[in-house]
Amino acid sequence: MKKKIMLLSAGGIFAGLVYALESARRKRVANESVTATNSSSDGEAAASGKKASLADLSENDSALEVDDRGTDQAGASEILKHIRDGAFESSDEKLALALGRPTEEIEGWTHGGGSIDGDVVMKARALALERGLPIE
């Protein structure tokens, strides 16, 4: 019985070690690919003599899809505005509370600033369904 317990314990420790090492490897690979991407884009900007401005970044962000339905940043902002106005009495504070986000972040998103992530859009869609508010 003691041998089985020792064997199972050793197996558990081994599995945990493998998991930890694999997680560390994945993080390292992800960081290396991000660093390589950033260094190549920095090199291109330096070669052309230009630095990326905030306007350029926001233009690129607006083209990025937020969720699996193909919603872009502008569409996500419109969804948030629609839900805020239809279900939360046009109150950024109430929408922020429902989404679990700071009011300043909601205000920025509904006024076209900041980058809206897929989690927020998913939660907003769920709130709309829960409150009987049609979306799209």
C-alpha atoms as a PDB file:
ATOM      1  CA  MET A   1       0.000   0.000   0.000  1.00  0.00           C
ATOM      2  CA  LYS A   2       2.831   2.388   0.911  1.00  0.00           C
ATOM      3  CA  LYS A   3       4.553   1.627  -2.390  1.00  0.00           C
ATOM      4  CA  LYS A   4       1.396   2.575  -4.313  1.00  0.00           C
ATOM      5  CA  ILE A   5       1.112   5.846  -2.419  1.00  0.00           C
ATOM      6  CA  MET A   6       4.773   6.667  -3.055  1.00  0.00           C
ATOM      7  CA  LEU A   7       4.414   5.771  -6.729  1.00  0.00           C
ATOM      8  CA  LEU A   8       1.274   7.898  -7.140  1.00  0.00           C
ATOM      9  CA  SER A   9       2.908  10.807  -5.290  1.00  0.00           C
ATOM     10  CA  ALA A  10       5.964  10.614  -7.519  1.00  0.00           C
ATOM     11  CA  GLY A  11       3.702  10.516 -10.578  1.00  0.00           C
ATOM     12  CA  GLY A  12       1.843  13.612  -9.364  1.00  0.00           C
ATOM     13  CA  ILE A  13       5.049  15.492  -8.725  1.00  0.00           C
ATOM     14  CA  PHE A  14       6.358  14.501 -12.149  1.00  0.00           C
ATOM     15  CA  ALA A  15       3.134  15.648 -13.858  1.00  0.00           C
ATOM     16  CA  GLY A  16       3.266  18.990 -12.018  1.00  0.00           C
ATOM     17  CA  LEU A  17       6.873  19.495 -13.023  1.00  0.00           C
ATOM     18  CA  VAL A  18       6.122  18.730 -16.670  1.00  0.00           C
ATOM     19  CA  TYR A  19       3.187  21.161 -16.596  1.00  0.00           C
ATOM     20  CA  ALA A  20       5.299  23.936 -15.037  1.00  0.00           C
ATOM     21  CA  LEU A  21       8.122  23.460 -17.540  1.00  0.00           C
ATOM     22  CA  GLU A  22       5.732  23.424 -20.503  1.00  0.00           C
ATOM     23  CA  SER A  23       4.005  26.602 -19.258  1.00  0.00           C
ATOM     24  CA  ALA A  24       7.350  28.349 -18.901  1.00  0.00           C
ATOM     25  CA  ARG A  25       8.364  27.237 -22.410  1.00  0.00           C
ATOM     26  CA  ARG A  26       5.116  28.532 -23.918  1.00  0.00           C
ATOM     27  CA  LYS A  27       5.523  31.914 -22.206  1.00  0.00           C
ATOM     28  CA  ARG A  28       9.117  32.166 -23.397  1.00  0.00           C
ATOM     29  CA  VAL A  29       8.138  31.337 -26.992  1.00  0.00           C
ATOM     30  CA  ALA A  30       5.266  33.849 -26.885  1.00  0.00           C
ATOM     31  CA  ASN A  31       7.541  36.571 -25.507  1.00  0.00           C
ATOM     32  CA  GLU A  32      10.179  35.847 -28.146  1.00  0.00           C
ATOM     33  CA  SER A  33       7.642  36.104 -30.960  1.00  0.00           C
ATOM     34  CA  VAL A  34       6.256  39.384 -29.573  1.00  0.00           C
ATOM     35  CA  THR A  35       9.766  40.771 -29.191  1.00  0.00           C
ATOM     36  CA  ALA A  36      10.667  39.720 -32.730  1.00  0.00           C
ATOM     37  CA  THR A  37       7.500  41.330 -34.101  1.00  0.00           C
ATOM     38  CA  ASN A  38       8.113  44.548 -32.166  1.00  0.00           C
ATOM     39  CA  SER A  39      11.757  44.756 -33.207  1.00  0.00           C
ATOM     40  CA  SER A  40      10.928  44.262 -36.890  1.00  0.00           C
ATOM     41  CA  SER A  41       8.192  46.900 -36.809  1.00  0.00           C
ATOM     42  CA  ASP A  42      10.498  49.272 -34.889  1.00  0.00           C
ATOM     43  CA  GLY A  43      13.181  48.700 -37.513  1.00  0.00           C
ATOM     44  CA  GLU A  44      10.761  49.497 -40.306  1.00  0.00           C
ATOM     45  CA  ALA A  45       9.658  52.691 -38.549  1.00  0.00           C
ATOM     46  CA  ALA A  46      13.262  53.733 -37.969  1.00  0.00           C
ATOM     47  CA  ALA A  47      14.178  52.960 -41.572  1.00  0.00           C
ATOM     48  CA  SER A  48      11.416  55.165 -42.874  1.00  0.00           C
ATOM     49  CA  GLY A  49      12.265  57.881 -40.371  1.00  0.00           C
ATOM     50  CA  LYS A  50       8.824  57.784 -38.787  1.00  0.00           C
ATOM     51  CA  LYS A  51       7.509  56.803 -35.392  1.00  0.00           C
ATOM     52  CA  ALA A  52       4.077  55.237 -35.050  1.00  0.00           C
ATOM     53  CA  SER A  53       1.673  57.809 -33.706  1.00  0.00           C
ATOM     54  CA  LEU A  54      -1.332  57.201 -31.499  1.00  0.00           C
ATOM     55  CA  ALA A  55      -3.592  57.978 -34.455  1.00  0.00           C
ATOM     56  CA  ASP A  56      -1.910  55.239 -36.492  1.00  0.00           C
ATOM     57  CA  LEU A  57      -2.345  52.777 -33.635  1.00  0.00           C
ATOM     58  CA  SER A  58      -6.006  53.624 -33.159  1.00  0.00           C
ATOM     59  CA  GLU A  59      -6.623  53.202 -36.902  1.00  0.00           C
ATOM     60  CA  ASN A  60      -5.047  49.747 -36.754  1.00  0.00           C
ATOM     61  CA  ASP A  61      -7.048  48.854 -33.624  1.00  0.00           C
ATOM     62  CA  SER A  62     -10.338  49.775 -35.274  1.00  0.00           C
ATOM     63  CA  ALA A  63      -9.714  47.195 -37.996  1.00  0.00           C
ATOM     64  CA  LEU A  64      -9.029  44.382 -35.512  1.00  0.00           C
ATOM     65  CA  GLU A  65     -11.808  41.926 -34.855  1.00  0.00           C
ATOM     66  CA  VAL A  66     -12.967  41.791 -31.256  1.00  0.00           C
ATOM     67  CA  ASP A  67     -14.931  38.538 -31.313  1.00  0.00           C
ATOM     68  CA  ASP A  68     -15.730  35.497 -33.409  1.00  0.00           C
ATOM     69  CA  ARG A  69     -18.619  37.330 -35.089  1.00  0.00           C
ATOM     70  CA  GLY A  70     -16.253  39.727 -36.820  1.00  0.00           C
ATOM     71  CA  THR A  71     -17.119  42.724 -34.641  1.00  0.00           C
ATOM     72  CA  ASP A  72     -14.521  45.476 -34.949  1.00  0.00           C
ATOM     73  CA  GLN A  73     -13.766  48.233 -32.423  1.00  0.00           C
ATOM     74  CA  ALA A  74     -16.316  50.629 -33.909  1.00  0.00           C
ATOM     75  CA  GLY A  75     -19.004  47.936 -33.879  1.00  0.00           C
ATOM     76  CA  ALA A  76     -18.167  47.008 -30.301  1.00  0.00           C
ATOM     77  CA  SER A  77     -18.469  50.659 -29.292  1.00  0.00           C
ATOM     78  CA  GLU A  78     -21.878  50.864 -30.973  1.00  0.00           C
ATOM     79  CA  ILE A  79     -23.026  47.710 -29.158  1.00  0.00           C
ATOM     80  CA  LEU A  80     -21.990  49.201 -25.816  1.00  0.00           C
ATOM     81  CA  LYS A  81     -23.776  52.476 -26.593  1.00  0.00           C
ATOM     82  CA  HIS A  82     -26.926  50.612 -27.661  1.00  0.00           C
ATOM     83  CA  ILE A  83     -26.973  48.526 -24.483  1.00  0.00           C
ATOM     84  CA  ARG A  84     -26.153  51.517 -22.288  1.00  0.00           C
ATOM     85  CA  ASP A  85     -28.952  53.596 -23.789  1.00  0.00           C
ATOM     86  CA  GLY A  86     -31.544  50.810 -24.011  1.00  0.00           C
ATOM     87  CA  ALA A  87     -30.983  48.853 -20.830  1.00  0.00           C
ATOM     88  CA  PHE A  88     -29.115  51.141 -18.422  1.00  0.00           C
ATOM     89  CA  GLU A  89     -30.912  54.486 -18.768  1.00  0.00           C
ATOM     90  CA  SER A  90     -27.977  55.974 -20.734  1.00  0.00           C
ATOM     91  CA  SER A  91     -25.800  55.660 -17.628  1.00  0.00           C
ATOM     92  CA  ASP A  92     -22.132  54.790 -18.066  1.00  0.00           C
ATOM     93  CA  GLU A  93     -21.957  54.128 -14.321  1.00  0.00           C
ATOM     94  CA  LYS A  94     -24.705  51.488 -14.398  1.00  0.00           C
ATOM     95  CA  LEU A  95     -23.191  49.770 -17.441  1.00  0.00           C
ATOM     96  CA  ALA A  96     -19.762  49.825 -15.790  1.00  0.00           C
ATOM     97  CA  LEU A  97     -21.192  48.189 -12.683  1.00  0.00           C
ATOM     98  CA  ALA A  98     -22.946  45.505 -14.740  1.00  0.00           C
ATOM     99  CA  LEU A  99     -19.785  44.760 -16.745  1.00  0.00           C
ATOM    100  CA  GLY A 100     -17.483  44.933 -13.725  1.00  0.00           C
ATOM    101  CA  ARG A 101     -15.311  47.629 -15.281  1.00  0.00           C
ATOM    102  CA  PRO A 102     -14.353  51.163 -14.185  1.00  0.00           C
ATOM    103  CA  THR A 103     -16.677  53.948 -15.305  1.00  0.00           C
ATOM    104  CA  GLU A 104     -13.787  55.811 -16.965  1.00  0.00           C
ATOM    105  CA  GLU A 105     -13.104  52.793 -19.165  1.00  0.00           C
ATOM    106  CA  ILE A 106     -16.753  52.600 -20.269  1.00  0.00           C
ATOM    107  CA  GLU A 107     -16.811  56.333 -20.979  1.00  0.00           C
ATOM    108  CA  GLY A 108     -13.674  56.009 -23.092  1.00  0.00           C
ATOM    109  CA  TRP A 109     -15.075  53.080 -25.055  1.00  0.00           C
ATOM    110  CA  THR A 110     -18.417  54.714 -25.751  1.00  0.00           C
ATOM    111  CA  HIS A 111     -16.682  57.898 -26.902  1.00  0.00           C
ATOM    112  CA  GLY A 112     -14.393  56.036 -29.306  1.00  0.00           C
ATOM    113  CA  GLY A 113     -11.270  55.758 -27.162  1.00  0.00           C
ATOM    114  CA  GLY A 114      -9.479  52.718 -25.812  1.00  0.00           C
ATOM    115  CA  SER A 115      -9.440  49.167 -27.058  1.00  0.00           C
ATOM    116  CA  ILE A 116     -12.476  47.001 -26.303  1.00  0.00           C
ATOM    117  CA  ASP A 117     -11.719  43.330 -25.717  1.00  0.00           C
ATOM    118  CA  GLY A 118     -13.841  40.341 -26.627  1.00  0.00           C
ATOM    119  CA  ASP A 119     -14.741  39.610 -23.008  1.00  0.00           C
ATOM    120  CA  VAL A 120     -16.543  42.938 -22.670  1.00  0.00           C
ATOM    121  CA  VAL A 121     -18.488  42.408 -25.894  1.00  0.00           C
ATOM    122  CA  MET A 122     -19.458  38.897 -24.792  1.00  0.00           C
ATOM    123  CA  LYS A 123     -20.688  40.168 -21.421  1.00  0.00           C
ATOM    124  CA  ALA A 124     -22.537  43.043 -23.082  1.00  0.00           C
ATOM    125  CA  ARG A 125     -24.308  40.671 -25.463  1.00  0.00           C
ATOM    126  CA  ALA A 126     -25.303  38.459 -22.506  1.00  0.00           C
ATOM    127  CA  LEU A 127     -26.678  41.481 -20.636  1.00  0.00           C
ATOM    128  CA  ALA A 128     -28.684  42.492 -23.694  1.00  0.00           C
ATOM    129  CA  LEU A 129     -30.184  39.023 -24.017  1.00  0.00           C
ATOM    130  CA  GLU A 130     -30.956  38.930 -20.306  1.00  0.00           C
ATOM    131  CA  ARG A 131     -32.761  42.260 -20.522  1.00  0.00           C
ATOM    132  CA  GLY A 132     -34.577  41.501 -23.772  1.00  0.00           C
ATOM    133  CA  LEU A 133     -32.687  44.071 -25.805  1.00  0.00           C
ATOM    134  CA  PRO A 134     -32.138  43.016 -29.442  1.00  0.00           C
ATOM    135  CA  ILE A 135     -28.616  43.371 -30.850  1.00  0.00           C
ATOM    136  CA  GLU A 136     -27.681  43.307 -34.564  1.00  0.00           C
END
